[in-house]
Structure formats: C-alpha cells, structure tokens
Amino acid sequence: MNKQITINAVSAAFLALVMSAGASIAYAHGDETHKKPNANAPISTEEHAFGKQGDPKKVSRTITIDMNDTMRFGPSDITVKEGETIKFVVANKGKIMHEMVLGTMDELKKHGDLMKKNPGMEHDEPYMSHVGPSKKEEMVWQFTKAGDFYYACLIPGHFEAGMIGKIKVTKG
C-alpha cells in the first residue's frame, strides 16, 4: 500500500510540474505571437494530406472542441466523412493560452519541435486556431481524403502532456 501511495504522489508531482511549466510557457506564448487570419482573405486552395481550408458558406456541420488546463480536448476523438466541411468552434475553458492545430502525427511532431526552438514564431495558417483564456475561435476545414488525422496543442509542454485528439475521416 505504501508503494502505491508513493507512486501516486510521484505521478501527481510530475503532472503538477508539467502543468506549471506549461503554464509559464503558455503565457510567454501569448496572443502577440500569432496573427489572426484575415476574414476578408481569399480561401486558400493549398491542399494538405489532411485536407484544405473550407468555405464557410459550405459548412456541412459544426463541431465544438473544448480545451482546458488539464491538457485535454473534449471530444478527443471525432469522425467525419471524406469531403465534409467542418466548422470547428474552438473554446478555451482554461486560464492559459491553448491552440488547436490540425495535421498528420508526423507534421504535428515536427511543428511542435520547431515551436520549442522558436517560441516566438508567428503563423496564421487556416488549420491553426490560437485561443486565449475563456475565448472562442472558429476554423473551417474541408477533409478531402480518408484516413486518420490529428489535432493538438503545440504550445511547448501541452502536446507532451497529452493534449491531442484524433480525427477519423471515413470514405464518403
């Protein structure tokens, strides 16, 4: 029994350390390091392995994704059909900055490593949504290929703490 208490105490201490480190990094990675996409900009036609920017006038359905300071998304698994255009309403229920970035697992890992090396980098890609505490953002994405894709918070420490979700895109 003492061994179990010790393991639980160590696990709790590690989680507290990761969350506090992530919190200080998240504040350093504030709103000023990310540009908001221009609402009047034309829709990008750039195709990615996981789809392309969707037309807000052709949304198939809306999915709300909650983010919180326990480094989790809700829901953490979603299923969409190939060709569907989804409007994500990304809601930060926490007290620190979070983001939702779509991609393949390899792309997310590479981007996460890049953000660790360059925490002040600026980007405004249509497959990224940066959401301040108690705020909401919208992202419209069309899933053009079947497969398994992911969404993650790439703020240093968040991805490593398990802030990741899965998108299963089924054949239309």
Protein backbone atom coordinates (compact mmCIF):
# COMPACT_ATOMS: atom_id res chain seq x y z
CA MET A 1 0.00 0.00 0.00
CA ASN A 2 2.84 2.44 0.78
CA LYS A 3 4.32 1.70 -2.64
CA GLN A 4 1.00 2.69 -4.29
CA ILE A 5 0.82 5.96 -2.32
CA THR A 6 4.40 6.77 -3.31
CA ILE A 7 3.69 6.08 -7.00
CA ASN A 8 0.54 8.24 -6.87
CA ALA A 9 2.45 11.04 -5.13
CA VAL A 10 5.22 10.91 -7.73
CA SER A 11 2.66 10.88 -10.57
CA ALA A 12 0.82 13.85 -9.06
CA ALA A 13 4.08 15.75 -8.56
CA PHE A 14 5.13 15.09 -12.17
CA LEU A 15 1.75 16.25 -13.51
CA ALA A 16 1.93 19.41 -11.39
CA LEU A 17 5.45 20.11 -12.70
CA VAL A 18 4.40 19.61 -16.34
CA MET A 19 1.32 21.79 -15.90
CA SER A 20 3.16 24.60 -14.13
CA ALA A 21 5.96 24.55 -16.71
CA GLY A 22 3.36 24.54 -19.47
CA ALA A 23 1.51 27.42 -17.84
CA SER A 24 4.57 29.67 -17.72
CA ILE A 25 5.47 28.79 -21.29
CA ALA A 26 1.88 29.31 -22.41
CA TYR A 27 1.79 32.83 -21.02
CA ALA A 28 5.07 33.58 -22.81
CA HIS A 29 3.45 32.25 -25.98
CA GLY A 30 0.65 34.83 -25.76
CA ASP A 31 -1.63 36.33 -28.39
CA GLU A 32 1.05 38.62 -29.74
CA THR A 33 2.96 35.71 -31.31
CA HIS A 34 0.11 34.64 -33.60
CA LYS A 35 -1.63 36.62 -36.26
CA LYS A 36 -5.35 36.19 -36.67
CA PRO A 37 -6.38 35.10 -40.17
CA ASN A 38 -7.82 37.95 -42.21
CA ALA A 39 -11.57 37.34 -42.53
CA ASN A 40 -11.56 39.05 -45.93
CA ALA A 41 -8.66 37.00 -47.32
CA PRO A 42 -9.49 34.58 -50.14
CA ILE A 43 -9.89 30.93 -49.19
CA SER A 44 -6.63 29.07 -49.63
CA THR A 45 -6.60 26.33 -52.27
CA GLU A 46 -3.45 24.76 -50.79
CA GLU A 47 -4.06 21.03 -50.36
CA HIS A 48 -2.58 19.20 -47.37
CA ALA A 49 -2.54 15.49 -46.54
CA PHE A 50 -5.40 16.22 -44.12
CA GLY A 51 -7.48 18.46 -46.43
CA LYS A 52 -7.78 22.15 -47.22
CA GLN A 53 -9.30 25.34 -45.91
CA GLY A 54 -13.07 25.11 -46.11
CA ASP A 55 -15.55 27.61 -47.48
CA PRO A 56 -17.62 29.00 -44.58
CA LYS A 57 -20.63 29.11 -46.93
CA LYS A 58 -20.42 25.34 -47.50
CA VAL A 59 -20.19 24.03 -43.93
CA SER A 60 -21.62 20.50 -43.52
CA ARG A 61 -21.77 20.71 -39.73
CA THR A 62 -20.31 22.41 -36.68
CA ILE A 63 -18.22 20.64 -34.04
CA THR A 64 -17.29 22.34 -30.78
CA ILE A 65 -13.88 21.42 -29.38
CA ASP A 66 -13.23 22.36 -25.76
CA MET A 67 -9.70 22.85 -24.46
CA ASN A 68 -8.76 23.00 -20.79
CA ASP A 69 -5.83 23.34 -18.43
CA THR A 70 -5.76 19.59 -17.70
CA MET A 71 -4.17 19.45 -21.19
CA ARG A 72 -7.10 17.68 -22.83
CA PHE A 73 -9.52 18.26 -25.69
CA GLY A 74 -13.19 17.39 -25.50
CA PRO A 75 -14.06 15.47 -27.50
CA SER A 76 -10.72 13.80 -28.10
CA ASP A 77 -11.99 11.63 -30.98
CA ILE A 78 -14.23 12.69 -33.86
CA THR A 79 -15.34 11.07 -37.09
CA VAL A 80 -16.09 12.96 -40.30
CA LYS A 81 -16.81 11.89 -43.86
CA GLU A 82 -14.44 12.47 -46.74
CA GLY A 83 -15.48 15.71 -48.46
CA GLU A 84 -17.18 17.15 -45.38
CA THR A 85 -16.53 20.79 -44.50
CA ILE A 86 -16.46 21.23 -40.74
CA LYS A 87 -16.71 24.47 -38.79
CA PHE A 88 -14.78 23.95 -35.58
CA VAL A 89 -15.76 26.20 -32.70
CA VAL A 90 -12.64 26.00 -30.54
CA ALA A 91 -13.39 27.03 -26.96
CA ASN A 92 -10.67 27.54 -24.36
CA LYS A 93 -12.23 26.70 -20.98
CA GLY A 94 -8.90 27.22 -19.22
CA LYS A 95 -6.91 30.09 -17.77
CA ILE A 96 -3.90 29.80 -20.09
CA MET A 97 -3.42 30.02 -23.88
CA HIS A 98 -4.19 26.87 -25.89
CA GLU A 99 -4.32 26.10 -29.59
CA MET A 100 -5.77 23.55 -31.96
CA VAL A 101 -3.56 22.59 -34.89
CA LEU A 102 -4.71 20.03 -37.49
CA GLY A 103 -2.27 17.67 -39.20
CA THR A 104 -0.73 14.27 -39.54
CA MET A 105 1.09 12.93 -36.49
CA ASP A 106 4.48 13.45 -38.18
CA GLU A 107 3.64 17.05 -39.12
CA LEU A 108 2.43 17.85 -35.61
CA LYS A 109 5.57 16.40 -34.02
CA LYS A 110 7.82 18.38 -36.40
CA HIS A 111 5.88 21.60 -35.84
CA GLY A 112 5.93 21.03 -32.07
CA ASP A 113 9.73 20.62 -32.13
CA LEU A 114 10.03 23.80 -34.21
CA MET A 115 7.90 25.73 -31.71
CA LYS A 116 10.14 24.58 -28.84
CA LYS A 117 13.15 26.04 -30.68
CA ASN A 118 11.32 29.21 -31.80
CA PRO A 119 8.61 30.00 -29.23
CA GLY A 120 8.06 33.49 -30.68
CA MET A 121 7.31 32.28 -34.21
CA GLU A 122 4.33 33.84 -35.97
CA HIS A 123 1.89 31.96 -38.18
CA ASP A 124 -1.70 32.31 -39.31
CA GLU A 125 -2.41 29.10 -41.18
CA PRO A 126 -6.08 28.17 -41.73
CA TYR A 127 -5.54 24.82 -39.95
CA MET A 128 -4.49 26.52 -36.69
CA SER A 129 -6.60 28.21 -34.08
CA HIS A 130 -4.98 30.05 -31.16
CA VAL A 131 -7.40 30.72 -28.34
CA GLY A 132 -6.86 32.86 -25.28
CA PRO A 133 -8.27 32.00 -21.87
CA SER A 134 -12.09 31.91 -21.79
CA LYS A 135 -12.24 32.79 -25.52
CA LYS A 136 -13.56 31.03 -28.65
CA GLU A 137 -12.27 30.95 -32.22
CA GLU A 138 -13.64 29.35 -35.39
CA MET A 139 -11.81 27.32 -38.00
CA VAL A 140 -13.38 25.92 -41.20
CA TRP A 141 -11.71 22.88 -42.74
CA GLN A 142 -12.63 20.51 -45.57
CA PHE A 143 -11.43 16.93 -45.17
CA THR A 144 -10.67 15.82 -48.73
CA LYS A 145 -9.03 12.44 -48.04
CA ALA A 146 -9.96 9.44 -45.93
CA GLY A 147 -7.56 8.47 -43.15
CA ASP A 148 -6.57 9.13 -39.57
CA PHE A 149 -5.51 12.68 -38.73
CA TYR A 150 -4.98 14.57 -35.50
CA TYR A 151 -5.35 17.86 -33.70
CA ALA A 152 -3.02 19.01 -30.98
CA CYS A 153 -1.97 21.93 -28.85
CA LEU A 154 1.65 22.59 -29.82
CA ILE A 155 2.42 25.12 -27.12
CA PRO A 156 5.56 23.65 -25.54
CA GLY A 157 4.66 21.15 -22.84
CA HIS A 158 0.99 20.77 -23.83
CA PHE A 159 1.43 18.16 -26.58
CA GLU A 160 3.82 16.22 -24.35
CA ALA A 161 1.22 16.27 -21.55
CA GLY A 162 -1.29 14.56 -23.86
CA MET A 163 -3.18 17.46 -25.43
CA ILE A 164 -4.05 15.65 -28.65
CA GLY A 165 -7.17 14.41 -30.41
CA LYS A 166 -7.87 12.11 -33.34
CA ILE A 167 -9.97 12.70 -36.46
CA LYS A 168 -11.08 9.63 -38.39
CA VAL A 169 -12.09 10.58 -41.92
CA THR A 170 -14.22 7.83 -43.49
CA LYS A 171 -14.90 7.28 -47.18
CA GLY A 172 -17.83 9.44 -48.28
